[in-house]
Amino acid sequence: MSSVMPALSSTELMAAPDSAEQQQALELARRSVGQYFLGEQQPPDWSSLPSWLHEWLSVFVTLHIDESLRGCVGSLQPRRSLAEDIWFNARAAAFEDPRFKPLSAEEWPQTMLSLSVLLPSEALITENETELLQQLRPEVHGVTVVQEHRRATFLPEVWSHFSEPQDFLIALRQKAGLPPQFSAKAQYYRYATIKIPSTRLFSQ
């Protein structure tokens, strides 16, 4: 892998929301899950939310209990306002992730919440694994692989689970149900995220 990493694009240099804006996003996710437990299904009045939450952006909502993944659901492409994406993906991460049972009321106070707002993705032109790795920054870029009807993505933080960058790509292809080795038939996309730090899902 080349030691010369690509420059970040202008979209990757967008300013992160300030602490107050981050809290607004986290509170929206908390409300979504909390109202579900209370039997309230009605979403908020979107028009009353701050303007930045009306931006057409996508988000992954991740839940953990004691460092163990408890749910993760997100959108790869913008299809609604960021506020709506947070609201519906928070509820889906808690109750609809097929890898887990729905979050219980007993687990609710123990659960940690984090948000990853996806910036626009870029298609990568590559003919081999070496060229692909030269266009990626570990722990900065999320990566999506697409081949025919198969698709999978890893967020930037997933890099930390692998000692070698190649292992990250092998695992990504396996997640998509593809052979572990590089194939020119697959299309790769990279994206950066704005990470909103972890906090408790339950907030009194």
C-alpha atoms as a PDB file:
ATOM      1  CA  MET A   1       0.000   0.000   0.000  1.00  0.00           C
ATOM      2  CA  SER A   2       1.359   3.422  -0.942  1.00  0.00           C
ATOM      3  CA  SER A   3       2.372   5.720   1.886  1.00  0.00           C
ATOM      4  CA  VAL A   4       1.036   8.690  -0.091  1.00  0.00           C
ATOM      5  CA  MET A   5      -2.622   9.093   0.780  1.00  0.00           C
ATOM      6  CA  PRO A   6      -5.127  11.033  -1.367  1.00  0.00           C
ATOM      7  CA  ALA A   7      -6.114  14.530  -0.403  1.00  0.00           C
ATOM      8  CA  LEU A   8      -9.517  14.915   1.166  1.00  0.00           C
ATOM      9  CA  SER A   9     -12.190  16.256  -1.138  1.00  0.00           C
ATOM     10  CA  SER A  10     -14.096  19.442  -0.405  1.00  0.00           C
ATOM     11  CA  THR A  11     -17.088  17.450   0.827  1.00  0.00           C
ATOM     12  CA  GLU A  12     -14.882  15.709   3.390  1.00  0.00           C
ATOM     13  CA  LEU A  13     -13.749  19.065   4.746  1.00  0.00           C
ATOM     14  CA  MET A  14     -17.240  20.266   5.647  1.00  0.00           C
ATOM     15  CA  ALA A  15     -17.438  21.613   9.189  1.00  0.00           C
ATOM     16  CA  ALA A  16     -18.875  19.272  11.791  1.00  0.00           C
ATOM     17  CA  PRO A  17     -21.945  20.461  13.685  1.00  0.00           C
ATOM     18  CA  ASP A  18     -21.111  22.271  16.920  1.00  0.00           C
ATOM     19  CA  SER A  19     -21.875  20.755  20.317  1.00  0.00           C
ATOM     20  CA  ALA A  20     -25.352  22.287  20.513  1.00  0.00           C
ATOM     21  CA  GLU A  21     -26.262  20.970  17.066  1.00  0.00           C
ATOM     22  CA  GLN A  22     -24.910  17.524  17.955  1.00  0.00           C
ATOM     23  CA  GLN A  23     -27.129  17.473  21.022  1.00  0.00           C
ATOM     24  CA  GLN A  24     -30.151  18.376  18.866  1.00  0.00           C
ATOM     25  CA  ALA A  25     -29.456  15.379  16.631  1.00  0.00           C
ATOM     26  CA  LEU A  26     -28.925  13.011  19.555  1.00  0.00           C
ATOM     27  CA  GLU A  27     -32.063  14.231  21.294  1.00  0.00           C
ATOM     28  CA  LEU A  28     -34.094  13.530  18.162  1.00  0.00           C
ATOM     29  CA  ALA A  29     -32.840   9.924  18.137  1.00  0.00           C
ATOM     30  CA  ARG A  30     -33.583   9.562  21.860  1.00  0.00           C
ATOM     31  CA  ARG A  31     -37.115  10.887  21.385  1.00  0.00           C
ATOM     32  CA  SER A  32     -37.770   8.439  18.560  1.00  0.00           C
ATOM     33  CA  VAL A  33     -36.889   5.405  20.688  1.00  0.00           C
ATOM     34  CA  GLY A  34     -38.397   6.799  23.874  1.00  0.00           C
ATOM     35  CA  GLN A  35     -41.752   7.544  22.278  1.00  0.00           C
ATOM     36  CA  TYR A  36     -41.817   4.017  20.857  1.00  0.00           C
ATOM     37  CA  PHE A  37     -41.518   2.589  24.373  1.00  0.00           C
ATOM     38  CA  LEU A  38     -44.310   4.922  25.479  1.00  0.00           C
ATOM     39  CA  GLY A  39     -46.521   3.779  22.597  1.00  0.00           C
ATOM     40  CA  GLU A  40     -46.374   7.105  20.767  1.00  0.00           C
ATOM     41  CA  GLN A  41     -45.906   6.644  17.030  1.00  0.00           C
ATOM     42  CA  GLN A  42     -46.381  10.209  15.809  1.00  0.00           C
ATOM     43  CA  PRO A  43     -43.152  11.834  14.510  1.00  0.00           C
ATOM     44  CA  PRO A  44     -42.355  15.404  15.539  1.00  0.00           C
ATOM     45  CA  ASP A  45     -43.307  18.536  13.671  1.00  0.00           C
ATOM     46  CA  TRP A  46     -40.367  18.659  11.265  1.00  0.00           C
ATOM     47  CA  SER A  47     -40.932  22.354  10.536  1.00  0.00           C
ATOM     48  CA  SER A  48     -40.086  23.268  14.141  1.00  0.00           C
ATOM     49  CA  LEU A  49     -36.613  21.689  13.987  1.00  0.00           C
ATOM     50  CA  PRO A  50     -33.396  23.668  13.362  1.00  0.00           C
ATOM     51  CA  SER A  51     -32.565  24.375   9.729  1.00  0.00           C
ATOM     52  CA  TRP A  52     -29.442  22.174   9.585  1.00  0.00           C
ATOM     53  CA  LEU A  53     -31.578  19.103  10.332  1.00  0.00           C
ATOM     54  CA  HIS A  54     -33.554  19.858   7.159  1.00  0.00           C
ATOM     55  CA  GLU A  55     -30.483  19.231   5.009  1.00  0.00           C
ATOM     56  CA  TRP A  56     -30.831  16.322   2.566  1.00  0.00           C
ATOM     57  CA  LEU A  57     -28.336  13.957   4.245  1.00  0.00           C
ATOM     58  CA  SER A  58     -28.227  10.331   5.326  1.00  0.00           C
ATOM     59  CA  VAL A  59     -27.200   8.884   8.676  1.00  0.00           C
ATOM     60  CA  PHE A  60     -26.261   5.609  10.346  1.00  0.00           C
ATOM     61  CA  VAL A  61     -27.524   5.131  13.902  1.00  0.00           C
ATOM     62  CA  THR A  62     -25.445   2.752  16.025  1.00  0.00           C
ATOM     63  CA  LEU A  63     -26.341   1.319  19.439  1.00  0.00           C
ATOM     64  CA  HIS A  64     -23.970  -0.401  21.882  1.00  0.00           C
ATOM     65  CA  ILE A  65     -24.318  -2.032  25.284  1.00  0.00           C
ATOM     66  CA  ASP A  66     -21.046  -2.525  27.207  1.00  0.00           C
ATOM     67  CA  GLU A  67     -18.983  -2.054  24.017  1.00  0.00           C
ATOM     68  CA  SER A  68     -21.005  -4.741  22.190  1.00  0.00           C
ATOM     69  CA  LEU A  69     -23.000  -3.803  19.094  1.00  0.00           C
ATOM     70  CA  ARG A  70     -26.755  -3.775  19.819  1.00  0.00           C
ATOM     71  CA  GLY A  71     -28.059  -2.401  16.546  1.00  0.00           C
ATOM     72  CA  CYS A  72     -26.979  -0.392  13.519  1.00  0.00           C
ATOM     73  CA  VAL A  73     -29.226   0.847  10.731  1.00  0.00           C
ATOM     74  CA  GLY A  74     -28.596   3.603   8.221  1.00  0.00           C
ATOM     75  CA  SER A  75     -29.100   5.007   4.757  1.00  0.00           C
ATOM     76  CA  LEU A  76     -26.327   5.010   2.161  1.00  0.00           C
ATOM     77  CA  GLN A  77     -27.943   7.694   0.007  1.00  0.00           C
ATOM     78  CA  PRO A  78     -29.969  10.763   1.031  1.00  0.00           C
ATOM     79  CA  ARG A  79     -33.684  10.126   0.551  1.00  0.00           C
ATOM     80  CA  ARG A  80     -35.223  12.492   3.092  1.00  0.00           C
ATOM     81  CA  SER A  81     -34.189  15.225   5.502  1.00  0.00           C
ATOM     82  CA  LEU A  82     -31.495  14.448   8.060  1.00  0.00           C
ATOM     83  CA  ALA A  83     -34.077  14.850  10.835  1.00  0.00           C
ATOM     84  CA  GLU A  84     -36.349  12.211   9.297  1.00  0.00           C
ATOM     85  CA  ASP A  85     -33.422   9.879   8.632  1.00  0.00           C
ATOM     86  CA  ILE A  86     -32.298  10.137  12.262  1.00  0.00           C
ATOM     87  CA  TRP A  87     -35.835   9.573  13.528  1.00  0.00           C
ATOM     88  CA  PHE A  88     -36.639   6.482  11.478  1.00  0.00           C
ATOM     89  CA  ASN A  89     -33.167   4.919  11.540  1.00  0.00           C
ATOM     90  CA  ALA A  90     -32.937   5.284  15.334  1.00  0.00           C
ATOM     91  CA  ARG A  91     -36.173   3.378  15.709  1.00  0.00           C
ATOM     92  CA  ALA A  92     -35.053   0.784  13.170  1.00  0.00           C
ATOM     93  CA  ALA A  93     -31.677   0.307  14.906  1.00  0.00           C
ATOM     94  CA  ALA A  94     -33.437  -0.314  18.207  1.00  0.00           C
ATOM     95  CA  PHE A  95     -36.274  -2.517  17.041  1.00  0.00           C
ATOM     96  CA  GLU A  96     -35.784  -3.730  13.464  1.00  0.00           C
ATOM     97  CA  ASP A  97     -32.128  -4.742  13.006  1.00  0.00           C
ATOM     98  CA  PRO A  98     -32.566  -8.403  11.911  1.00  0.00           C
ATOM     99  CA  ARG A  99     -29.363  -9.421  13.723  1.00  0.00           C
ATOM    100  CA  PHE A 100     -30.863  -8.664  17.134  1.00  0.00           C
ATOM    101  CA  LYS A 101     -34.035  -8.987  19.142  1.00  0.00           C
ATOM    102  CA  PRO A 102     -35.916  -5.703  19.577  1.00  0.00           C
ATOM    103  CA  LEU A 103     -34.426  -3.539  22.295  1.00  0.00           C
ATOM    104  CA  SER A 104     -36.159  -4.163  25.628  1.00  0.00           C
ATOM    105  CA  ALA A 105     -37.204  -1.564  28.180  1.00  0.00           C
ATOM    106  CA  GLU A 106     -34.691  -3.114  30.595  1.00  0.00           C
ATOM    107  CA  GLU A 107     -31.851  -2.571  28.093  1.00  0.00           C
ATOM    108  CA  TRP A 108     -32.891   0.968  27.249  1.00  0.00           C
ATOM    109  CA  PRO A 109     -31.033   2.753  30.107  1.00  0.00           C
ATOM    110  CA  GLN A 110     -27.843   0.738  29.421  1.00  0.00           C
ATOM    111  CA  THR A 111     -27.682   1.519  25.699  1.00  0.00           C
ATOM    112  CA  MET A 112     -25.224   3.961  24.171  1.00  0.00           C
ATOM    113  CA  LEU A 113     -26.101   5.875  20.995  1.00  0.00           C
ATOM    114  CA  SER A 114     -23.903   7.370  18.273  1.00  0.00           C
ATOM    115  CA  LEU A 115     -24.624   8.927  14.883  1.00  0.00           C
ATOM    116  CA  SER A 116     -22.570   8.942  11.684  1.00  0.00           C
ATOM    117  CA  VAL A 117     -23.751  11.506   9.134  1.00  0.00           C
ATOM    118  CA  LEU A 118     -22.637  10.440   5.659  1.00  0.00           C
ATOM    119  CA  LEU A 119     -21.092  12.956   3.293  1.00  0.00           C
ATOM    120  CA  PRO A 120     -21.499  12.461  -0.480  1.00  0.00           C
ATOM    121  CA  SER A 121     -19.840   9.308  -1.792  1.00  0.00           C
ATOM    122  CA  GLU A 122     -17.339   9.104  -4.653  1.00  0.00           C
ATOM    123  CA  ALA A 123     -16.991   6.247  -7.127  1.00  0.00           C
ATOM    124  CA  LEU A 124     -13.447   4.866  -7.274  1.00  0.00           C
ATOM    125  CA  ILE A 125     -11.790   3.908 -10.547  1.00  0.00           C
ATOM    126  CA  THR A 126      -9.522   0.953  -9.885  1.00  0.00           C
ATOM    127  CA  GLU A 127      -8.175  -2.106 -11.660  1.00  0.00           C
ATOM    128  CA  ASN A 128      -6.620  -3.928  -8.709  1.00  0.00           C
ATOM    129  CA  GLU A 129      -6.482  -4.079  -4.920  1.00  0.00           C
ATOM    130  CA  THR A 130      -3.340  -1.940  -4.684  1.00  0.00           C
ATOM    131  CA  GLU A 131      -4.926   0.924  -6.614  1.00  0.00           C
ATOM    132  CA  LEU A 132      -8.052   0.619  -4.494  1.00  0.00           C
ATOM    133  CA  LEU A 133      -6.138   0.857  -1.214  1.00  0.00           C
ATOM    134  CA  GLN A 134      -4.185   3.875  -2.481  1.00  0.00           C
ATOM    135  CA  GLN A 135      -7.476   5.778  -2.714  1.00  0.00           C
ATOM    136  CA  LEU A 136      -8.601   4.994   0.818  1.00  0.00           C
ATOM    137  CA  ARG A 137      -7.752   6.530   4.178  1.00  0.00           C
ATOM    138  CA  PRO A 138      -8.212   4.004   7.006  1.00  0.00           C
ATOM    139  CA  GLU A 139     -10.539   5.308   9.731  1.00  0.00           C
ATOM    140  CA  VAL A 140     -11.430   8.311   7.548  1.00  0.00           C
ATOM    141  CA  HIS A 141     -13.249   6.702   4.624  1.00  0.00           C
ATOM    142  CA  GLY A 142     -16.239   4.456   4.773  1.00  0.00           C
ATOM    143  CA  VAL A 143     -16.373   2.052   1.837  1.00  0.00           C
ATOM    144  CA  THR A 144     -19.247   0.532  -0.111  1.00  0.00           C
ATOM    145  CA  VAL A 145     -18.902  -2.364  -2.543  1.00  0.00           C
ATOM    146  CA  VAL A 146     -21.560  -3.082  -5.175  1.00  0.00           C
ATOM    147  CA  GLN A 147     -21.693  -5.961  -7.625  1.00  0.00           C
ATOM    148  CA  GLU A 148     -24.908  -6.723  -9.460  1.00  0.00           C
ATOM    149  CA  HIS A 149     -27.584  -7.060  -6.750  1.00  0.00           C
ATOM    150  CA  ARG A 150     -25.100  -7.410  -3.860  1.00  0.00           C
ATOM    151  CA  ARG A 151     -24.026  -4.477  -1.727  1.00  0.00           C
ATOM    152  CA  ALA A 152     -22.384  -3.848   1.637  1.00  0.00           C
ATOM    153  CA  THR A 153     -20.736  -0.988   3.465  1.00  0.00           C
ATOM    154  CA  PHE A 154     -18.372  -0.478   6.381  1.00  0.00           C
ATOM    155  CA  LEU A 155     -18.297   2.822   8.270  1.00  0.00           C
ATOM    156  CA  PRO A 156     -14.882   4.441   8.871  1.00  0.00           C
ATOM    157  CA  GLU A 157     -14.657   3.166  12.443  1.00  0.00           C
ATOM    158  CA  VAL A 158     -14.706  -0.453  11.240  1.00  0.00           C
ATOM    159  CA  TRP A 159     -11.086  -0.089  10.041  1.00  0.00           C
ATOM    160  CA  SER A 160      -9.975  -0.321  13.668  1.00  0.00           C
ATOM    161  CA  HIS A 161     -11.132  -3.960  13.832  1.00  0.00           C
ATOM    162  CA  PHE A 162      -8.497  -5.060  11.309  1.00  0.00           C
ATOM    163  CA  SER A 163      -4.712  -5.046  11.599  1.00  0.00           C
ATOM    164  CA  GLU A 164      -4.235  -4.940   7.810  1.00  0.00           C
ATOM    165  CA  PRO A 165      -6.148  -2.749   5.310  1.00  0.00           C
ATOM    166  CA  GLN A 166      -6.541  -5.728   2.966  1.00  0.00           C
ATOM    167  CA  ASP A 167      -8.446  -7.577   5.693  1.00  0.00           C
ATOM    168  CA  PHE A 168     -10.946  -4.720   5.854  1.00  0.00           C
ATOM    169  CA  LEU A 169     -11.710  -5.130   2.140  1.00  0.00           C
ATOM    170  CA  ILE A 170     -11.881  -8.918   2.354  1.00  0.00           C
ATOM    171  CA  ALA A 171     -14.407  -8.688   5.184  1.00  0.00           C
ATOM    172  CA  LEU A 172     -16.411  -6.050   3.295  1.00  0.00           C
ATOM    173  CA  ARG A 173     -16.705  -8.305   0.246  1.00  0.00           C
ATOM    174  CA  GLN A 174     -17.676 -11.247   2.418  1.00  0.00           C
ATOM    175  CA  LYS A 175     -20.355  -9.119   4.107  1.00  0.00           C
ATOM    176  CA  ALA A 176     -21.805  -8.482   0.639  1.00  0.00           C
ATOM    177  CA  GLY A 177     -21.761 -12.217  -0.137  1.00  0.00           C
ATOM    178  CA  LEU A 178     -18.966 -11.808  -2.687  1.00  0.00           C
ATOM    179  CA  PRO A 179     -15.739 -13.825  -3.072  1.00  0.00           C
ATOM    180  CA  PRO A 180     -12.992 -12.486  -0.772  1.00  0.00           C
ATOM    181  CA  GLN A 181     -10.556 -11.673  -3.588  1.00  0.00           C
ATOM    182  CA  PHE A 182     -10.609  -8.472  -5.644  1.00  0.00           C
ATOM    183  CA  SER A 183     -12.708  -8.497  -8.814  1.00  0.00           C
ATOM    184  CA  ALA A 184     -12.829  -5.767 -11.438  1.00  0.00           C
ATOM    185  CA  LYS A 185     -16.559  -6.486 -11.768  1.00  0.00           C
ATOM    186  CA  ALA A 186     -17.239  -4.837  -8.415  1.00  0.00           C
ATOM    187  CA  GLN A 187     -17.689  -1.082  -8.032  1.00  0.00           C
ATOM    188  CA  TYR A 188     -16.301   0.661  -4.943  1.00  0.00           C
ATOM    189  CA  TYR A 189     -17.356   3.949  -3.375  1.00  0.00           C
ATOM    190  CA  ARG A 190     -15.736   5.928  -0.591  1.00  0.00           C
ATOM    191  CA  TYR A 191     -17.314   8.466   1.717  1.00  0.00           C
ATOM    192  CA  ALA A 192     -16.419  10.414   4.841  1.00  0.00           C
ATOM    193  CA  THR A 193     -18.696  10.864   7.836  1.00  0.00           C
ATOM    194  CA  ILE A 194     -19.384  13.423  10.508  1.00  0.00           C
ATOM    195  CA  LYS A 195     -19.243  11.370  13.699  1.00  0.00           C
ATOM    196  CA  ILE A 196     -21.473  12.509  16.542  1.00  0.00           C
ATOM    197  CA  PRO A 197     -19.966  11.018  19.706  1.00  0.00           C
ATOM    198  CA  SER A 198     -21.606   8.342  21.775  1.00  0.00           C
ATOM    199  CA  THR A 199     -24.010   9.199  24.568  1.00  0.00           C
ATOM    200  CA  ARG A 200     -26.723   7.393  26.502  1.00  0.00           C
ATOM    201  CA  LEU A 201     -29.861   6.548  24.577  1.00  0.00           C
ATOM    202  CA  PHE A 202     -31.982   7.045  27.697  1.00  0.00           C
ATOM    203  CA  SER A 203     -32.111  10.661  28.794  1.00  0.00           C
ATOM    204  CA  GLN A 204     -34.281  11.862  31.653  1.00  0.00           C
END
